[in-house]
Amino acid sequence: VKDLVALRVDQEPRVVLRTTTDADILEDGFRWRKYGQKVVKGNPHP
């Protein structure tokens, strides 16, 4: 049992990022869309 605990300690800590913004678009290089939204030609916010 102690070996399993030691393995968990050696792992790098997980990084969790949670952002709250007024805009639905995050500037991280990806175009994020909510589920169910389709891309519309000519729409500045695809």
C-alpha atoms as a PDB file:
ATOM      1  CA  VAL A   1       0.000   0.000   0.000  1.00  0.00           C
ATOM      2  CA  LYS A   2       2.858   2.368   0.772  1.00  0.00           C
ATOM      3  CA  ASP A   3       4.297   1.809  -2.706  1.00  0.00           C
ATOM      4  CA  LEU A   4       1.100   3.073  -4.336  1.00  0.00           C
ATOM      5  CA  VAL A   5       1.151   6.221  -2.226  1.00  0.00           C
ATOM      6  CA  ALA A   6       4.785   6.851  -3.151  1.00  0.00           C
ATOM      7  CA  LEU A   7       3.957   6.592  -6.854  1.00  0.00           C
ATOM      8  CA  ARG A   8       1.225   9.182  -6.534  1.00  0.00           C
ATOM      9  CA  VAL A   9       3.545  11.619  -4.755  1.00  0.00           C
ATOM     10  CA  ASP A  10       6.156  11.384  -7.525  1.00  0.00           C
ATOM     11  CA  GLN A  11       3.696  12.494 -10.214  1.00  0.00           C
ATOM     12  CA  GLU A  12       3.666  16.109 -11.306  1.00  0.00           C
ATOM     13  CA  PRO A  13       0.799  18.106  -9.852  1.00  0.00           C
ATOM     14  CA  ARG A  14      -2.119  18.618 -12.188  1.00  0.00           C
ATOM     15  CA  VAL A  15      -2.729  22.156 -13.358  1.00  0.00           C
ATOM     16  CA  VAL A  16      -6.357  23.209 -13.540  1.00  0.00           C
ATOM     17  CA  LEU A  17      -7.181  26.508 -15.189  1.00  0.00           C
ATOM     18  CA  ARG A  18     -10.646  27.939 -14.853  1.00  0.00           C
ATOM     19  CA  THR A  19     -11.326  31.307 -16.420  1.00  0.00           C
ATOM     20  CA  THR A  20     -14.390  33.480 -16.176  1.00  0.00           C
ATOM     21  CA  THR A  21     -14.818  35.942 -19.009  1.00  0.00           C
ATOM     22  CA  ASP A  22     -17.670  37.980 -20.391  1.00  0.00           C
ATOM     23  CA  ALA A  23     -16.824  36.843 -23.910  1.00  0.00           C
ATOM     24  CA  ASP A  24     -17.531  33.343 -25.170  1.00  0.00           C
ATOM     25  CA  ILE A  25     -14.354  33.397 -27.270  1.00  0.00           C
ATOM     26  CA  LEU A  26     -11.070  32.399 -25.649  1.00  0.00           C
ATOM     27  CA  GLU A  27      -7.918  33.581 -27.408  1.00  0.00           C
ATOM     28  CA  ASP A  28      -5.939  30.365 -27.113  1.00  0.00           C
ATOM     29  CA  GLY A  29      -5.517  29.573 -30.799  1.00  0.00           C
ATOM     30  CA  PHE A  30      -8.690  27.500 -31.091  1.00  0.00           C
ATOM     31  CA  ARG A  31     -12.157  28.467 -32.232  1.00  0.00           C
ATOM     32  CA  TRP A  32     -14.419  27.272 -29.456  1.00  0.00           C
ATOM     33  CA  ARG A  33     -18.141  26.802 -30.077  1.00  0.00           C
ATOM     34  CA  LYS A  34     -20.883  25.774 -27.751  1.00  0.00           C
ATOM     35  CA  TYR A  35     -22.549  22.456 -28.473  1.00  0.00           C
ATOM     36  CA  GLY A  36     -25.154  22.638 -31.207  1.00  0.00           C
ATOM     37  CA  GLN A  37     -23.882  25.796 -32.866  1.00  0.00           C
ATOM     38  CA  LYS A  38     -23.086  25.623 -36.562  1.00  0.00           C
ATOM     39  CA  VAL A  39     -20.609  27.663 -38.576  1.00  0.00           C
ATOM     40  CA  VAL A  40     -22.398  30.335 -40.609  1.00  0.00           C
ATOM     41  CA  LYS A  41     -20.717  31.986 -43.592  1.00  0.00           C
ATOM     42  CA  GLY A  42     -20.105  35.691 -43.082  1.00  0.00           C
ATOM     43  CA  ASN A  43     -20.629  35.508 -39.341  1.00  0.00           C
ATOM     44  CA  PRO A  44     -17.777  37.280 -37.496  1.00  0.00           C
ATOM     45  CA  HIS A  45     -18.318  34.925 -34.540  1.00  0.00           C
ATOM     46  CA  PRO A  46     -18.313  31.403 -35.985  1.00  0.00           C
END
